[in-house]
PDB file of all heavy atoms in Angstrom:
ATOM      1  N   THR A   1     125.768  67.837  87.008  1.00  0.00           N
ATOM      2  CA  THR A   1     124.807  67.448  85.976  1.00  0.00           C
ATOM      3  C   THR A   1     123.406  67.712  86.513  1.00  0.00           C
ATOM      4  O   THR A   1     123.015  67.154  87.547  1.00  0.00           O
ATOM      5  CB  THR A   1     124.951  65.967  85.594  1.00  0.00           C
ATOM      6  OG1 THR A   1     126.216  65.769  84.966  1.00  0.00           O
ATOM      7  CG2 THR A   1     123.845  65.550  84.631  1.00  0.00           C
ATOM      8  N   THR A   2     122.686  68.582  85.843  1.00  0.00           N
ATOM      9  CA  THR A   2     121.320  68.933  86.247  1.00  0.00           C
ATOM     10  C   THR A   2     120.329  68.054  85.491  1.00  0.00           C
ATOM     11  O   THR A   2     120.471  67.837  84.287  1.00  0.00           O
ATOM     12  CB  THR A   2     121.030  70.414  85.952  1.00  0.00           C
ATOM     13  OG1 THR A   2     121.959  71.220  86.684  1.00  0.00           O
ATOM     14  CG2 THR A   2     119.606  70.780  86.349  1.00  0.00           C
ATOM     15  N   ILE A   3     119.339  67.563  86.214  1.00  0.00           N
ATOM     16  CA  ILE A   3     118.313  66.702  85.623  1.00  0.00           C
ATOM     17  C   ILE A   3     116.995  67.462  85.656  1.00  0.00           C
ATOM     18  O   ILE A   3     116.435  67.714  86.724  1.00  0.00           O
ATOM     19  CB  ILE A   3     118.183  65.382  86.404  1.00  0.00           C
ATOM     20  CG1 ILE A   3     119.550  64.694  86.516  1.00  0.00           C
ATOM     21  CG2 ILE A   3     117.170  64.457  85.728  1.00  0.00           C
ATOM     22  CD1 ILE A   3     119.591  63.571  87.519  1.00  0.00           C
ATOM     23  N   GLU A   4     116.534  67.848  84.486  1.00  0.00           N
ATOM     24  CA  GLU A   4     115.273  68.569  84.377  1.00  0.00           C
ATOM     25  C   GLU A   4     114.159  67.558  84.120  1.00  0.00           C
ATOM     26  O   GLU A   4     114.228  66.781  83.171  1.00  0.00           O
ATOM     27  CB  GLU A   4     115.345  69.593  83.252  1.00  0.00           C
ATOM     28  CG  GLU A   4     116.421  70.645  83.486  1.00  0.00           C
ATOM     29  CD  GLU A   4     116.566  71.612  82.322  1.00  0.00           C
ATOM     30  OE1 GLU A   4     115.860  71.414  81.315  1.00  0.00           O
ATOM     31  OE2 GLU A   4     117.373  72.561  82.419  1.00  0.00           O
ATOM     32  N   ILE A   5     113.143  67.587  84.977  1.00  0.00           N
ATOM     33  CA  ILE A   5     112.066  66.595  84.909  1.00  0.00           C
ATOM     34  C   ILE A   5     110.787  67.272  84.431  1.00  0.00           C
ATOM     35  O   ILE A   5     110.283  68.197  85.065  1.00  0.00           O
ATOM     36  CB  ILE A   5     111.862  65.911  86.268  1.00  0.00           C
ATOM     37  CG1 ILE A   5     113.166  65.216  86.695  1.00  0.00           C
ATOM     38  CG2 ILE A   5     110.703  64.914  86.208  1.00  0.00           C
ATOM     39  CD1 ILE A   5     113.105  64.548  88.039  1.00  0.00           C
ATOM     40  N   THR A   6     110.281  66.808  83.313  1.00  0.00           N
ATOM     41  CA  THR A   6     109.072  67.366  82.715  1.00  0.00           C
ATOM     42  C   THR A   6     107.842  66.689  83.309  1.00  0.00           C
ATOM     43  O   THR A   6     107.751  65.457  83.320  1.00  0.00           O
ATOM     44  CB  THR A   6     109.084  67.156  81.190  1.00  0.00           C
ATOM     45  OG1 THR A   6     110.256  67.760  80.644  1.00  0.00           O
ATOM     46  CG2 THR A   6     107.840  67.752  80.547  1.00  0.00           C
ATOM     47  N   PRO A   7     106.886  67.473  83.834  1.00  0.00           N
ATOM     48  CA  PRO A   7     105.691  66.843  84.429  1.00  0.00           C
ATOM     49  C   PRO A   7     104.848  66.126  83.391  1.00  0.00           C
ATOM     50  O   PRO A   7     104.731  66.561  82.246  1.00  0.00           O
ATOM     51  CB  PRO A   7     104.934  68.034  85.040  1.00  0.00           C
ATOM     52  CG  PRO A   7     105.406  69.226  84.269  1.00  0.00           C
ATOM     53  CD  PRO A   7     106.830  68.948  83.897  1.00  0.00           C
ATOM     54  N   VAL A   8     104.294  65.003  83.803  1.00  0.00           N
ATOM     55  CA  VAL A   8     103.404  64.216  82.951  1.00  0.00           C
ATOM     56  C   VAL A   8     102.150  63.916  83.753  1.00  0.00           C
ATOM     57  O   VAL A   8     102.230  63.424  84.889  1.00  0.00           O
ATOM     58  CB  VAL A   8     104.065  62.898  82.497  1.00  0.00           C
ATOM     59  CG1 VAL A   8     103.080  62.050  81.692  1.00  0.00           C
ATOM     60  CG2 VAL A   8     105.309  63.183  81.663  1.00  0.00           C
ATOM     61  N   ALA A   9     101.000  64.222  83.191  1.00  0.00           N
ATOM     62  CA  ALA A   9      99.726  63.956  83.880  1.00  0.00           C
ATOM     63  C   ALA A   9      99.525  62.456  84.019  1.00  0.00           C
ATOM     64  O   ALA A   9      99.700  61.697  83.064  1.00  0.00           O
ATOM     65  CB  ALA A   9      98.564  64.570  83.107  1.00  0.00           C
ATOM     66  N   ASP A  10      99.203  62.029  85.238  1.00  0.00           N
ATOM     67  CA  ASP A  10      98.946  60.619  85.474  1.00  0.00           C
ATOM     68  C   ASP A  10      97.672  60.189  84.760  1.00  0.00           C
ATOM     69  O   ASP A  10      96.726  60.964  84.602  1.00  0.00           O
ATOM     70  CB  ASP A  10      98.792  60.334  86.969  1.00  0.00           C
ATOM     71  CG  ASP A  10     100.092  60.557  87.718  1.00  0.00           C
ATOM     72  OD1 ASP A  10     101.153  60.400  87.091  1.00  0.00           O
ATOM     73  OD2 ASP A  10     100.041  60.892  88.914  1.00  0.00           O
ATOM     74  N   THR A  11      97.657  58.935  84.344  1.00  0.00           N
ATOM     75  CA  THR A  11      96.444  58.392  83.749  1.00  0.00           C
ATOM     76  C   THR A  11      95.335  58.397  84.787  1.00  0.00           C
ATOM     77  O   THR A  11      95.501  57.848  85.878  1.00  0.00           O
ATOM     78  CB  THR A  11      96.676  56.955  83.260  1.00  0.00           C
ATOM     79  OG1 THR A  11      97.744  56.954  82.309  1.00  0.00           O
ATOM     80  CG2 THR A  11      95.417  56.391  82.609  1.00  0.00           C
ATOM     81  N   PRO A  12      94.205  59.053  84.514  1.00  0.00           N
ATOM     82  CA  PRO A  12      93.140  59.137  85.515  1.00  0.00           C
ATOM     83  C   PRO A  12      92.482  57.796  85.783  1.00  0.00           C
ATOM     84  O   PRO A  12      92.384  56.948  84.893  1.00  0.00           O
ATOM     85  CB  PRO A  12      92.143  60.119  84.873  1.00  0.00           C
ATOM     86  CG  PRO A  12      92.385  60.004  83.413  1.00  0.00           C
ATOM     87  CD  PRO A  12      93.861  59.736  83.248  1.00  0.00           C
ATOM     88  N   ASP A  13      92.078  57.628  87.024  1.00  0.00           N
ATOM     89  CA  ASP A  13      91.367  56.419  87.414  1.00  0.00           C
ATOM     90  C   ASP A  13      89.886  56.733  87.581  1.00  0.00           C
ATOM     91  O   ASP A  13      89.521  57.688  88.244  1.00  0.00           O
ATOM     92  CB  ASP A  13      91.904  55.869  88.740  1.00  0.00           C
ATOM     93  CG  ASP A  13      93.328  55.353  88.602  1.00  0.00           C
ATOM     94  OD1 ASP A  13      93.642  54.821  87.532  1.00  0.00           O
ATOM     95  OD2 ASP A  13      94.095  55.495  89.567  1.00  0.00           O
ATOM     96  N   ALA A  14      89.074  55.915  86.981  1.00  0.00           N
ATOM     97  CA  ALA A  14      87.629  56.040  87.163  1.00  0.00           C
ATOM     98  C   ALA A  14      87.015  54.679  86.939  1.00  0.00           C
ATOM     99  O   ALA A  14      87.579  53.829  86.256  1.00  0.00           O
ATOM    100  CB  ALA A  14      87.026  57.043  86.186  1.00  0.00           C
ATOM    101  N   SER A  15      85.880  54.465  87.527  1.00  0.00           N
ATOM    102  CA  SER A  15      85.216  53.188  87.311  1.00  0.00           C
ATOM    103  C   SER A  15      83.721  53.401  87.215  1.00  0.00           C
ATOM    104  O   SER A  15      83.170  54.303  87.830  1.00  0.00           O
ATOM    105  CB  SER A  15      85.531  52.207  88.448  1.00  0.00           C
ATOM    106  OG  SER A  15      84.988  52.667  89.670  1.00  0.00           O
ATOM    107  N   ILE A  16      83.113  52.570  86.415  1.00  0.00           N
ATOM    108  CA  ILE A  16      81.658  52.571  86.316  1.00  0.00           C
ATOM    109  C   ILE A  16      81.214  51.129  86.183  1.00  0.00           C
ATOM    110  O   ILE A  16      81.774  50.358  85.402  1.00  0.00           O
ATOM    111  CB  ILE A  16      81.160  53.413  85.119  1.00  0.00           C
ATOM    112  CG1 ILE A  16      79.640  53.285  85.008  1.00  0.00           C
ATOM    113  CG2 ILE A  16      81.813  53.034  83.826  1.00  0.00           C
ATOM    114  CD1 ILE A  16      79.033  54.202  83.994  1.00  0.00           C
ATOM    115  N   ASN A  17      80.258  50.747  86.974  1.00  0.00           N
ATOM    116  CA  ASN A  17      79.765  49.386  86.974  1.00  0.00           C
ATOM    117  C   ASN A  17      78.327  49.408  86.453  1.00  0.00           C
ATOM    118  O   ASN A  17      77.449  50.001  87.072  1.00  0.00           O
ATOM    119  CB  ASN A  17      79.823  48.811  88.396  1.00  0.00           C
ATOM    120  CG  ASN A  17      79.287  47.394  88.454  1.00  0.00           C
ATOM    121  OD1 ASN A  17      79.232  46.711  87.440  1.00  0.00           O
ATOM    122  ND2 ASN A  17      78.909  46.957  89.637  1.00  0.00           N
ATOM    123  N   VAL A  18      78.112  48.785  85.292  1.00  0.00           N
ATOM    124  CA  VAL A  18      76.777  48.725  84.714  1.00  0.00           C
ATOM    125  C   VAL A  18      76.271  47.299  84.838  1.00  0.00           C
ATOM    126  O   VAL A  18      76.887  46.362  84.332  1.00  0.00           O
ATOM    127  CB  VAL A  18      76.781  49.159  83.236  1.00  0.00           C
ATOM    128  CG1 VAL A  18      75.376  49.065  82.653  1.00  0.00           C
ATOM    129  CG2 VAL A  18      77.334  50.570  83.109  1.00  0.00           C
ATOM    130  N   THR A  19      75.159  47.141  85.544  1.00  0.00           N
ATOM    131  CA  THR A  19      74.603  45.821  85.780  1.00  0.00           C
ATOM    132  C   THR A  19      73.250  45.710  85.099  1.00  0.00           C
ATOM    133  O   THR A  19      72.397  46.584  85.259  1.00  0.00           O
ATOM    134  CB  THR A  19      74.420  45.572  87.291  1.00  0.00           C
ATOM    135  OG1 THR A  19      75.682  45.763  87.936  1.00  0.00           O
ATOM    136  CG2 THR A  19      73.911  44.173  87.557  1.00  0.00           C
ATOM    137  N   LYS A  20      73.058  44.665  84.320  1.00  0.00           N
ATOM    138  CA  LYS A  20      71.760  44.408  83.699  1.00  0.00           C
ATOM    139  C   LYS A  20      71.087  43.289  84.464  1.00  0.00           C
ATOM    140  O   LYS A  20      71.580  42.175  84.522  1.00  0.00           O
ATOM    141  CB  LYS A  20      71.930  44.000  82.227  1.00  0.00           C
ATOM    142  CG  LYS A  20      70.605  43.637  81.535  1.00  0.00           C
ATOM    143  CD  LYS A  20      69.731  44.860  81.384  1.00  0.00           C
ATOM    144  CE  LYS A  20      68.486  44.529  80.576  1.00  0.00           C
ATOM    145  NZ  LYS A  20      67.522  43.735  81.353  1.00  0.00           N
ATOM    146  N   VAL A  21      69.990  43.603  85.134  1.00  0.00           N
ATOM    147  CA  VAL A  21      69.232  42.619  85.889  1.00  0.00           C
ATOM    148  C   VAL A  21      67.991  42.265  85.090  1.00  0.00           C
ATOM    149  O   VAL A  21      67.173  43.134  84.773  1.00  0.00           O
ATOM    150  CB  VAL A  21      68.830  43.166  87.277  1.00  0.00           C
ATOM    151  CG1 VAL A  21      68.060  42.124  88.065  1.00  0.00           C
ATOM    152  CG2 VAL A  21      70.083  43.596  88.032  1.00  0.00           C
ATOM    153  N   VAL A  22      67.831  41.008  84.753  1.00  0.00           N
ATOM    154  CA  VAL A  22      66.714  40.608  83.891  1.00  0.00           C
ATOM    155  C   VAL A  22      65.405  40.656  84.643  1.00  0.00           C
ATOM    156  O   VAL A  22      64.391  41.120  84.146  1.00  0.00           O
ATOM    157  CB  VAL A  22      66.961  39.192  83.330  1.00  0.00           C
ATOM    158  CG1 VAL A  22      65.771  38.736  82.492  1.00  0.00           C
ATOM    159  CG2 VAL A  22      68.238  39.179  82.504  1.00  0.00           C
ATOM    160  N   GLU A  23      65.415  40.185  85.867  1.00  0.00           N
ATOM    161  CA  GLU A  23      64.189  40.188  86.655  1.00  0.00           C
ATOM    162  C   GLU A  23      64.476  40.783  88.023  1.00  0.00           C
ATOM    163  O   GLU A  23      65.604  40.790  88.500  1.00  0.00           O
ATOM    164  CB  GLU A  23      63.646  38.763  86.823  1.00  0.00           C
ATOM    165  CG  GLU A  23      63.187  38.128  85.513  1.00  0.00           C
ATOM    166  CD  GLU A  23      62.650  36.737  85.743  1.00  0.00           C
ATOM    167  OE1 GLU A  23      62.731  36.259  86.890  1.00  0.00           O
ATOM    168  OE2 GLU A  23      62.141  36.135  84.791  1.00  0.00           O
ATOM    169  N   GLY A  24      63.426  41.260  88.644  1.00  0.00           N
ATOM    170  CA  GLY A  24      63.583  41.771  90.000  1.00  0.00           C
ATOM    171  C   GLY A  24      63.784  43.268  90.017  1.00  0.00           C
ATOM    172  O   GLY A  24      63.884  43.920  89.001  1.00  0.00           O
ATOM    173  N   THR A  25      63.834  43.794  91.215  1.00  0.00           N
ATOM    174  CA  THR A  25      64.023  45.225  91.401  1.00  0.00           C
ATOM    175  C   THR A  25      65.202  45.446  92.319  1.00  0.00           C
ATOM    176  O   THR A  25      65.836  44.513  92.794  1.00  0.00           O
ATOM    177  CB  THR A  25      62.767  45.868  92.002  1.00  0.00           C
ATOM    178  OG1 THR A  25      62.493  45.240  93.250  1.00  0.00           O
ATOM    179  CG2 THR A  25      61.579  45.696  91.070  1.00  0.00           C
ATOM    180  N   ALA A  26      65.475  46.688  92.605  1.00  0.00           N
ATOM    181  CA  ALA A  26      66.598  47.016  93.481  1.00  0.00           C
ATOM    182  C   ALA A  26      66.310  46.571  94.900  1.00  0.00           C
ATOM    183  O   ALA A  26      65.182  46.309  95.287  1.00  0.00           O
ATOM    184  CB  ALA A  26      66.841  48.513  93.443  1.00  0.00           C
ATOM    185  N   ASP A  27      67.351  46.473  95.686  1.00  0.00           N
ATOM    186  CA  ASP A  27      67.251  46.070  97.086  1.00  0.00           C
ATOM    187  C   ASP A  27      66.294  46.994  97.826  1.00  0.00           C
ATOM    188  O   ASP A  27      66.496  48.197  97.897  1.00  0.00           O
ATOM    189  CB  ASP A  27      68.646  46.151  97.715  1.00  0.00           C
ATOM    190  CG  ASP A  27      68.665  45.618  99.141  1.00  0.00           C
ATOM    191  OD1 ASP A  27      67.583  45.311  99.672  1.00  0.00           O
ATOM    192  OD2 ASP A  27      69.777  45.514  99.693  1.00  0.00           O
ATOM    193  N   SER A  28      65.261  46.431  98.398  1.00  0.00           N
ATOM    194  CA  SER A  28      64.231  47.236  99.055  1.00  0.00           C
ATOM    195  C   SER A  28      64.736  47.854 100.347  1.00  0.00           C
ATOM    196  O   SER A  28      64.083  48.716 100.926  1.00  0.00           O
ATOM    197  CB  SER A  28      62.998  46.365  99.343  1.00  0.00           C
ATOM    198  OG  SER A  28      63.362  45.281 100.185  1.00  0.00           O
ATOM    199  N   ASN A  29      65.918  47.396 100.824  1.00  0.00           N
ATOM    200  CA  ASN A  29      66.443  47.955 102.068  1.00  0.00           C
ATOM    201  C   ASN A  29      67.140  49.290 101.859  1.00  0.00           C
ATOM    202  O   ASN A  29      67.505  49.960 102.817  1.00  0.00           O
ATOM    203  CB  ASN A  29      67.429  46.964 102.701  1.00  0.00           C
ATOM    204  CG  ASN A  29      66.735  45.697 103.185  1.00  0.00           C
ATOM    205  OD1 ASN A  29      65.614  45.755 103.653  1.00  0.00           O
ATOM    206  ND2 ASN A  29      67.410  44.549 103.041  1.00  0.00           N
ATOM    207  N   ASN A  30      67.394  49.657 100.591  1.00  0.00           N
ATOM    208  CA  ASN A  30      68.070  50.922 100.332  1.00  0.00           C
ATOM    209  C   ASN A  30      67.149  52.103 100.611  1.00  0.00           C
ATOM    210  O   ASN A  30      65.956  52.063 100.327  1.00  0.00           O
ATOM    211  CB  ASN A  30      68.524  50.996  98.872  1.00  0.00           C
ATOM    212  CG  ASN A  30      69.772  50.160  98.627  1.00  0.00           C
ATOM    213  OD1 ASN A  30      70.577  49.950  99.521  1.00  0.00           O
ATOM    214  ND2 ASN A  30      69.921  49.677  97.402  1.00  0.00           N
ATOM    215  N   ASP A  31      67.707  53.148 101.165  1.00  0.00           N
ATOM    216  CA  ASP A  31      66.985  54.399 101.347  1.00  0.00           C
ATOM    217  C   ASP A  31      67.342  55.301 100.178  1.00  0.00           C
ATOM    218  O   ASP A  31      68.443  55.822 100.109  1.00  0.00           O
ATOM    219  CB  ASP A  31      67.371  55.066 102.670  1.00  0.00           C
ATOM    220  CG  ASP A  31      66.938  54.250 103.864  1.00  0.00           C
ATOM    221  OD1 ASP A  31      65.875  53.618 103.776  1.00  0.00           O
ATOM    222  OD2 ASP A  31      67.673  54.251 104.874  1.00  0.00           O
TER     223      ASP A  31
END
């Protein structure tokens, strides 16, 4: 018995983090 397996594209992983800061600025230590 032969088992033929059809390829399926994996669900892509991605992330995006959106931050709303009401006051202040970015960390001054960043270059």
